[in-house]
C-alpha atoms as a PDB file:
ATOM      1  CA  MET A   1      22.420  29.559   6.263  1.00  0.00           C
ATOM      2  CA  GLU A   2      21.533  26.486   7.779  1.00  0.00           C
ATOM      3  CA  GLN A   3      21.755  23.399   5.624  1.00  0.00           C
ATOM      4  CA  LYS A   4      18.580  21.404   5.397  1.00  0.00           C
ATOM      5  CA  GLN A   5      18.552  17.593   6.225  1.00  0.00           C
ATOM      6  CA  GLN A   6      16.844  14.901   4.139  1.00  0.00           C
ATOM      7  CA  LEU A   7      13.742  13.491   5.560  1.00  0.00           C
ATOM      8  CA  PRO A   8      14.305  10.066   6.735  1.00  0.00           C
ATOM      9  CA  ASN A   9      13.113   7.203   4.329  1.00  0.00           C
ATOM     10  CA  ALA A  10      11.729   9.659   1.752  1.00  0.00           C
ATOM     11  CA  VAL A  11      12.953   7.849  -1.168  1.00  0.00           C
ATOM     12  CA  ALA A  12      12.355   4.543   0.263  1.00  0.00           C
ATOM     13  CA  VAL A  13       8.650   5.614   0.740  1.00  0.00           C
ATOM     14  CA  LEU A  14       8.567   6.890  -2.813  1.00  0.00           C
ATOM     15  CA  VAL A  15       9.880   3.740  -4.218  1.00  0.00           C
ATOM     16  CA  LEU A  16       7.501   1.498  -1.959  1.00  0.00           C
ATOM     17  CA  GLY A  17       4.676   3.732  -3.271  1.00  0.00           C
ATOM     18  CA  ILE A  18       5.456   3.113  -6.796  1.00  0.00           C
ATOM     19  CA  CYS A  19       5.955  -0.534  -6.477  1.00  0.00           C
ATOM     20  CA  SER A  20       2.774  -0.862  -4.401  1.00  0.00           C
ATOM     21  CA  ILE A  21       0.752   0.336  -7.400  1.00  0.00           C
ATOM     22  CA  VAL A  22       2.839  -1.404 -10.128  1.00  0.00           C
ATOM     23  CA  ILE A  23       3.413  -4.622  -8.479  1.00  0.00           C
ATOM     24  CA  ASN A  24      -0.195  -5.111  -7.177  1.00  0.00           C
ATOM     25  CA  CYS A  25      -0.816  -8.829  -7.527  1.00  0.00           C
ATOM     26  CA  TYR A  26      -0.997 -11.775  -5.027  1.00  0.00           C
ATOM     27  CA  GLY A  27      -1.055  -9.276  -1.994  1.00  0.00           C
ATOM     28  CA  VAL A  28       2.531  -7.941  -2.635  1.00  0.00           C
ATOM     29  CA  GLY A  29       1.271  -4.307  -3.430  1.00  0.00           C
ATOM     30  CA  LEU A  30      -0.988  -4.364  -0.334  1.00  0.00           C
ATOM     31  CA  ILE A  31       2.014  -5.375   1.898  1.00  0.00           C
ATOM     32  CA  LEU A  32       4.469  -2.913   0.146  1.00  0.00           C
ATOM     33  CA  GLY A  33       1.742  -0.147   0.589  1.00  0.00           C
ATOM     34  CA  ILE A  34       1.441  -0.840   4.247  1.00  0.00           C
ATOM     35  CA  ILE A  35       5.125  -0.766   4.756  1.00  0.00           C
ATOM     36  CA  GLY A  36       5.291   2.531   2.662  1.00  0.00           C
ATOM     37  CA  LEU A  37       2.775   4.134   5.049  1.00  0.00           C
ATOM     38  CA  ALA A  38       4.408   2.974   8.226  1.00  0.00           C
ATOM     39  CA  LEU A  39       7.763   4.367   6.979  1.00  0.00           C
ATOM     40  CA  SER A  40       6.430   7.616   6.111  1.00  0.00           C
ATOM     41  CA  SER A  41       4.680   8.377   9.386  1.00  0.00           C
ATOM     42  CA  GLN A  42       8.156   9.607  11.245  1.00  0.00           C
ATOM     43  CA  GLY A  43       9.080  11.701   8.305  1.00  0.00           C
ATOM     44  CA  ARG A  44       5.655  13.458   8.134  1.00  0.00           C
ATOM     45  CA  ARG A  45       5.667  14.147  11.760  1.00  0.00           C
ATOM     46  CA  MET A  46       9.190  15.442  11.664  1.00  0.00           C
ATOM     47  CA  TYR A  47       8.425  17.784   8.710  1.00  0.00           C
ATOM     48  CA  LYS A  48       5.217  19.120  10.085  1.00  0.00           C
ATOM     49  CA  GLU A  49       7.258  19.940  13.350  1.00  0.00           C
ATOM     50  CA  ASN A  50       9.787  21.938  11.571  1.00  0.00           C
ATOM     51  CA  PRO A  51       9.362  22.307   7.753  1.00  0.00           C
ATOM     52  CA  ALA A  52      12.124  24.781   7.435  1.00  0.00           C
ATOM     53  CA  SER A  53      14.762  22.194   8.502  1.00  0.00           C
ATOM     54  CA  TYR A  54      14.087  19.371   5.959  1.00  0.00           C
ATOM     55  CA  ASP A  55      14.220  18.670   2.337  1.00  0.00           C
ATOM     56  CA  GLY A  56      12.411  15.695   0.696  1.00  0.00           C
ATOM     57  CA  TRP A  57       8.849  16.579   1.438  1.00  0.00           C
ATOM     58  CA  GLY A  58       7.878  16.109  -2.140  1.00  0.00           C
ATOM     59  CA  ASN A  59       9.191  12.445  -2.397  1.00  0.00           C
ATOM     60  CA  LEU A  60       7.754  11.695   0.967  1.00  0.00           C
ATOM     61  CA  ASN A  61       4.454  13.053   0.287  1.00  0.00           C
ATOM     62  CA  ALA A  62       3.979  11.581  -3.322  1.00  0.00           C
ATOM     63  CA  GLY A  63       5.228   8.043  -1.752  1.00  0.00           C
ATOM     64  CA  PHE A  64       2.572   8.433   1.110  1.00  0.00           C
ATOM     65  CA  ILE A  65      -0.152   9.157  -1.376  1.00  0.00           C
ATOM     66  CA  MET A  66       0.930   6.435  -3.728  1.00  0.00           C
ATOM     67  CA  SER A  67       0.946   3.925  -0.925  1.00  0.00           C
ATOM     68  CA  ILE A  68      -2.534   4.884   0.005  1.00  0.00           C
ATOM     69  CA  ILE A  69      -3.516   4.040  -3.499  1.00  0.00           C
ATOM     70  CA  GLY A  70      -1.621   0.640  -3.502  1.00  0.00           C
ATOM     71  CA  VAL A  71      -3.276  -0.393  -0.209  1.00  0.00           C
ATOM     72  CA  VAL A  72      -6.645   0.570  -1.640  1.00  0.00           C
ATOM     73  CA  ILE A  73      -6.208  -1.192  -4.939  1.00  0.00           C
ATOM     74  CA  GLY A  74      -4.717  -4.152  -2.861  1.00  0.00           C
ATOM     75  CA  ALA A  75      -7.622  -4.336  -0.690  1.00  0.00           C
ATOM     76  CA  ILE A  76     -10.219  -4.398  -3.434  1.00  0.00           C
ATOM     77  CA  TRP A  77      -8.009  -7.198  -5.280  1.00  0.00           C
ATOM     78  CA  ALA A  78      -8.015  -9.109  -2.114  1.00  0.00           C
ATOM     79  CA  PHE A  79     -11.837  -8.715  -1.593  1.00  0.00           C
ATOM     80  CA  PHE A  80     -12.175  -9.591  -5.194  1.00  0.00           C
ATOM     81  CA  TRP A  81     -10.451 -12.947  -4.602  1.00  0.00           C
ATOM     82  CA  ILE A  82     -12.158 -13.751  -1.503  1.00  0.00           C
ATOM     83  CA  PHE A  83     -15.567 -13.163  -3.249  1.00  0.00           C
ATOM     84  CA  VAL A  84     -14.311 -15.369  -6.304  1.00  0.00           C
ATOM     85  CA  VAL A  85     -13.238 -18.246  -3.921  1.00  0.00           C
ATOM     86  CA  ALA A  86     -16.634 -18.046  -1.991  1.00  0.00           C
ATOM     87  CA  ILE A  87     -18.532 -18.371  -5.206  1.00  0.00           C
ATOM     88  CA  MET A  88     -16.548 -21.128  -6.448  1.00  0.00           C
ATOM     89  CA  GLY A  89     -16.820 -23.002  -3.218  1.00  0.00           C
ATOM     90  CA  GLY A  90     -20.521 -22.441  -3.175  1.00  0.00           C
ATOM     91  CA  SER A  91     -21.042 -23.624  -6.647  1.00  0.00           C
ATOM     92  CA  ALA A  92     -18.844 -26.766  -5.849  1.00  0.00           C
ATOM     93  CA  TYR A  93     -20.752 -27.535  -2.995  1.00  0.00           C
ATOM     94  CA  SER A  94     -23.984 -27.213  -4.648  1.00  0.00           C
ATOM     95  CA  PHE A  95     -22.878 -29.239  -7.633  1.00  0.00           C
ATOM     96  CA  SER A  96     -21.790 -32.084  -5.435  1.00  0.00           C
ATOM     97  CA  HIS A  97     -24.814 -31.808  -3.466  1.00  0.00           C
ATOM     98  CA  LEU A  98     -26.900 -32.287  -6.765  1.00  0.00           C
ATOM     99  CA  MET A  99     -24.643 -35.351  -7.773  1.00  0.00           C
ATOM    100  CA  ASN A 100     -25.226 -37.267  -4.633  1.00  0.00           C
ATOM    101  CA  GLN A 101     -29.218 -37.031  -4.877  1.00  0.00           C
END
């Protein structure tokens, strides 16, 4: 009986996926999610080529899904802050323009 190999970076992708959701402030979650997605690509490709030879698909797939969720939440968070800064900047400009008249 052939011994199965562990998929590369399966545990690392799982940890990065969890951290990308939990630590999703100041762009950290977005960055961790992107790193998790990048690390998962090789393992996913290897497993799809020969699923009988590898263990750890559950960890890798769960980390991949959580990394996607972390990237989406991080992107929403980044767009929110860009929107807030744009509104604040527009308000400050309007206020300074009114004060100078």
